[in-house]
């Protein structure tokens, strides 16, 4: 499983994203569409850990531009 990390713009705490792959039987068209989505930019909402300041924030991030693979 891949893990990606971003920095919360509000408090500076880390936010983690774990892209999931569904293991379902899919049509060829659906598999091709999923491949296109993985290769393109998309918006994901993540909660930061709240490590810096004690409050968690839900922020929309642009994936993969705002993230670093760890």
Protein backbone atom coordinates (compact mmCIF):
# COMPACT_ATOMS: atom_id res chain seq x y z
CA UNK A 1 0.00 0.00 0.00
CA UNK A 2 1.26 3.49 -0.85
CA UNK A 3 1.34 6.25 1.74
CA UNK A 4 1.35 9.94 0.84
CA UNK A 5 1.87 12.89 3.20
CA UNK A 6 0.89 16.56 2.97
CA UNK A 7 1.26 19.45 5.37
CA UNK A 8 -1.88 21.12 6.76
CA UNK A 9 -1.86 24.78 5.64
CA UNK A 10 -3.71 25.83 8.81
CA UNK A 11 -1.62 24.29 11.59
CA UNK A 12 1.32 22.57 9.88
CA UNK A 13 0.40 19.06 11.08
CA UNK A 14 0.84 16.14 8.68
CA UNK A 15 -2.11 14.74 6.73
CA UNK A 16 -1.86 11.22 5.32
CA UNK A 17 -3.51 9.73 2.24
CA UNK A 18 -3.64 6.02 1.43
CA UNK A 19 -4.97 5.48 -2.12
CA UNK A 20 -6.99 2.26 -2.15
CA UNK A 21 -7.50 -0.12 -5.02
CA UNK A 22 -10.76 -2.05 -5.07
CA UNK A 23 -10.37 -5.71 -5.89
CA UNK A 24 -13.68 -6.13 -7.65
CA UNK A 25 -14.39 -7.64 -11.03
CA UNK A 26 -14.70 -4.71 -13.40
CA UNK A 27 -15.39 -4.15 -17.05
CA UNK A 28 -12.54 -3.20 -19.36
CA UNK A 29 -13.99 0.33 -19.77
CA UNK A 30 -14.12 0.81 -15.98
CA UNK A 31 -10.51 -0.38 -15.59
CA UNK A 32 -9.36 2.04 -18.30
CA UNK A 33 -11.25 4.92 -16.64
CA UNK A 34 -9.64 4.08 -13.27
CA UNK A 35 -6.19 4.06 -14.88
CA UNK A 36 -6.84 7.51 -16.35
CA UNK A 37 -7.95 8.84 -12.96
CA UNK A 38 -4.83 7.51 -11.22
CA UNK A 39 -2.58 9.24 -13.72
CA UNK A 40 -4.39 12.59 -13.54
CA UNK A 41 -4.75 15.15 -10.79
CA UNK A 42 -7.74 14.94 -8.44
CA UNK A 43 -9.05 16.58 -5.28
CA UNK A 44 -8.99 14.54 -2.05
CA UNK A 45 -10.23 15.57 1.42
CA UNK A 46 -8.03 14.55 4.34
CA UNK A 47 -7.93 15.25 8.06
CA UNK A 48 -4.65 16.41 9.50
CA UNK A 49 -3.39 14.66 12.63
CA UNK A 50 -3.82 17.74 14.83
CA UNK A 51 -0.35 17.11 16.21
CA UNK A 52 0.56 20.82 16.10
CA UNK A 53 -2.09 22.69 18.07
CA UNK A 54 -4.42 19.87 19.10
CA UNK A 55 -7.19 20.56 16.55
CA UNK A 56 -7.80 18.48 13.42
CA UNK A 57 -8.67 20.21 10.16
CA UNK A 58 -10.33 18.73 7.08
CA UNK A 59 -8.73 20.23 3.99
CA UNK A 60 -9.13 19.59 0.26
CA UNK A 61 -5.78 18.76 -1.32
CA UNK A 62 -4.78 18.32 -4.95
CA UNK A 63 -3.40 14.82 -5.46
CA UNK A 64 -0.54 14.23 -6.22
CA UNK A 65 0.70 17.86 -6.36
CA UNK A 66 0.23 18.63 -2.65
CA UNK A 67 1.58 15.27 -1.45
CA UNK A 68 4.95 13.62 -0.99
CA UNK A 69 5.23 9.83 -1.22
CA UNK A 70 6.67 8.31 1.95
